[in-house]
Amino acid sequence: MSDKYKDYKPETLEYNEEIDGGIDEYKTRDKHLDVKENLLEKIRNAKARAKGNQTTFRQNIRTENNS
């Protein structure tokens, strides 16, 4: 260890729900992720509708060599 940190003594921090965020913080995050997932699905569907009758998801091309 370098001499720069030889006198360093880390202080112990106590958990404070108001500062650190409580269980509601995780609920908010999950809610935002659900909204994001729903919006991405809407975008995928809109792109598929805009393409019309074209193939939306391409499958592997079959060849004679595949068994």
C-alpha atoms as a PDB file:
ATOM      1  CA  MET A   1       0.000   0.000   0.000  1.00  0.00           C
ATOM      2  CA  SER A   2       1.271   3.473  -0.741  1.00  0.00           C
ATOM      3  CA  ASP A   3       2.199   6.032   1.881  1.00  0.00           C
ATOM      4  CA  LYS A   4      -0.680   8.177   0.705  1.00  0.00           C
ATOM      5  CA  TYR A   5      -3.228   5.951   2.450  1.00  0.00           C
ATOM      6  CA  LYS A   6      -1.251   4.752   5.477  1.00  0.00           C
ATOM      7  CA  ASP A   7      -3.239   6.933   7.934  1.00  0.00           C
ATOM      8  CA  TYR A   8      -6.614   6.302   6.288  1.00  0.00           C
ATOM      9  CA  LYS A   9      -9.285   4.997   8.647  1.00  0.00           C
ATOM     10  CA  PRO A  10     -12.630   4.305   6.938  1.00  0.00           C
ATOM     11  CA  GLU A  11     -15.636   5.508   8.859  1.00  0.00           C
ATOM     12  CA  THR A  12     -18.621   3.259   9.433  1.00  0.00           C
ATOM     13  CA  LEU A  13     -21.808   4.537   7.832  1.00  0.00           C
ATOM     14  CA  GLU A  14     -25.216   3.691   9.201  1.00  0.00           C
ATOM     15  CA  TYR A  15     -28.121   2.817   6.912  1.00  0.00           C
ATOM     16  CA  ASN A  16     -30.673   5.612   6.752  1.00  0.00           C
ATOM     17  CA  GLU A  17     -33.824   4.748   4.824  1.00  0.00           C
ATOM     18  CA  GLU A  18     -34.617   8.393   4.012  1.00  0.00           C
ATOM     19  CA  ILE A  19     -31.199   8.993   2.461  1.00  0.00           C
ATOM     20  CA  ASP A  20     -30.453   5.572   0.988  1.00  0.00           C
ATOM     21  CA  GLY A  21     -33.936   4.881  -0.297  1.00  0.00           C
ATOM     22  CA  GLY A  22     -36.307   2.289   1.007  1.00  0.00           C
ATOM     23  CA  ILE A  23     -38.090  -0.645  -0.572  1.00  0.00           C
ATOM     24  CA  ASP A  24     -40.158   1.770  -2.687  1.00  0.00           C
ATOM     25  CA  GLU A  25     -37.059   2.566  -4.731  1.00  0.00           C
ATOM     26  CA  TYR A  26     -37.018  -0.986  -6.086  1.00  0.00           C
ATOM     27  CA  LYS A  27     -40.740  -0.878  -6.806  1.00  0.00           C
ATOM     28  CA  THR A  28     -40.229   2.314  -8.808  1.00  0.00           C
ATOM     29  CA  ARG A  29     -37.380   0.699 -10.753  1.00  0.00           C
ATOM     30  CA  ASP A  30     -39.488  -2.372 -11.534  1.00  0.00           C
ATOM     31  CA  LYS A  31     -42.342  -0.125 -12.640  1.00  0.00           C
ATOM     32  CA  HIS A  32     -40.026   1.784 -14.998  1.00  0.00           C
ATOM     33  CA  LEU A  33     -38.676  -1.471 -16.432  1.00  0.00           C
ATOM     34  CA  ASP A  34     -42.227  -2.725 -17.044  1.00  0.00           C
ATOM     35  CA  VAL A  35     -43.124   0.512 -18.833  1.00  0.00           C
ATOM     36  CA  LYS A  36     -39.962   0.248 -20.937  1.00  0.00           C
ATOM     37  CA  GLU A  37     -40.759  -3.344 -21.874  1.00  0.00           C
ATOM     38  CA  ASN A  38     -44.312  -2.398 -22.892  1.00  0.00           C
ATOM     39  CA  LEU A  39     -43.095   0.523 -25.004  1.00  0.00           C
ATOM     40  CA  LEU A  40     -40.523  -1.654 -26.767  1.00  0.00           C
ATOM     41  CA  GLU A  41     -43.248  -4.190 -27.562  1.00  0.00           C
ATOM     42  CA  LYS A  42     -45.441  -1.416 -29.003  1.00  0.00           C
ATOM     43  CA  ILE A  43     -42.540  -0.247 -31.171  1.00  0.00           C
ATOM     44  CA  ARG A  44     -41.909  -3.791 -32.422  1.00  0.00           C
ATOM     45  CA  ASN A  45     -45.585  -4.196 -33.303  1.00  0.00           C
ATOM     46  CA  ALA A  46     -45.715  -0.812 -35.041  1.00  0.00           C
ATOM     47  CA  LYS A  47     -42.651  -1.678 -37.120  1.00  0.00           C
ATOM     48  CA  ALA A  48     -44.188  -5.030 -38.060  1.00  0.00           C
ATOM     49  CA  ARG A  49     -47.433  -3.308 -39.111  1.00  0.00           C
ATOM     50  CA  ALA A  50     -45.495  -0.714 -41.139  1.00  0.00           C
ATOM     51  CA  LYS A  51     -43.749  -3.474 -43.052  1.00  0.00           C
ATOM     52  CA  GLY A  52     -47.070  -4.874 -44.187  1.00  0.00           C
ATOM     53  CA  ASN A  53     -46.995  -8.387 -45.613  1.00  0.00           C
ATOM     54  CA  GLN A  54     -43.209  -8.634 -45.631  1.00  0.00           C
ATOM     55  CA  THR A  55     -41.631 -11.189 -43.357  1.00  0.00           C
ATOM     56  CA  THR A  56     -40.989  -9.624 -39.978  1.00  0.00           C
ATOM     57  CA  PHE A  57     -38.659 -12.270 -38.580  1.00  0.00           C
ATOM     58  CA  ARG A  58     -36.377 -14.070 -40.977  1.00  0.00           C
ATOM     59  CA  GLN A  59     -35.948 -17.824 -40.567  1.00  0.00           C
ATOM     60  CA  ASN A  60     -32.886 -19.829 -41.571  1.00  0.00           C
ATOM     61  CA  ILE A  61     -32.667 -20.493 -45.282  1.00  0.00           C
ATOM     62  CA  ARG A  62     -33.064 -24.208 -45.999  1.00  0.00           C
ATOM     63  CA  THR A  63     -30.459 -25.763 -48.247  1.00  0.00           C
ATOM     64  CA  GLU A  64     -29.946 -29.245 -49.621  1.00  0.00           C
ATOM     65  CA  ASN A  65     -27.035 -29.818 -47.233  1.00  0.00           C
ATOM     66  CA  ASN A  66     -29.164 -29.437 -44.083  1.00  0.00           C
ATOM     67  CA  SER A  67     -30.499 -32.725 -42.805  1.00  0.00           C
END
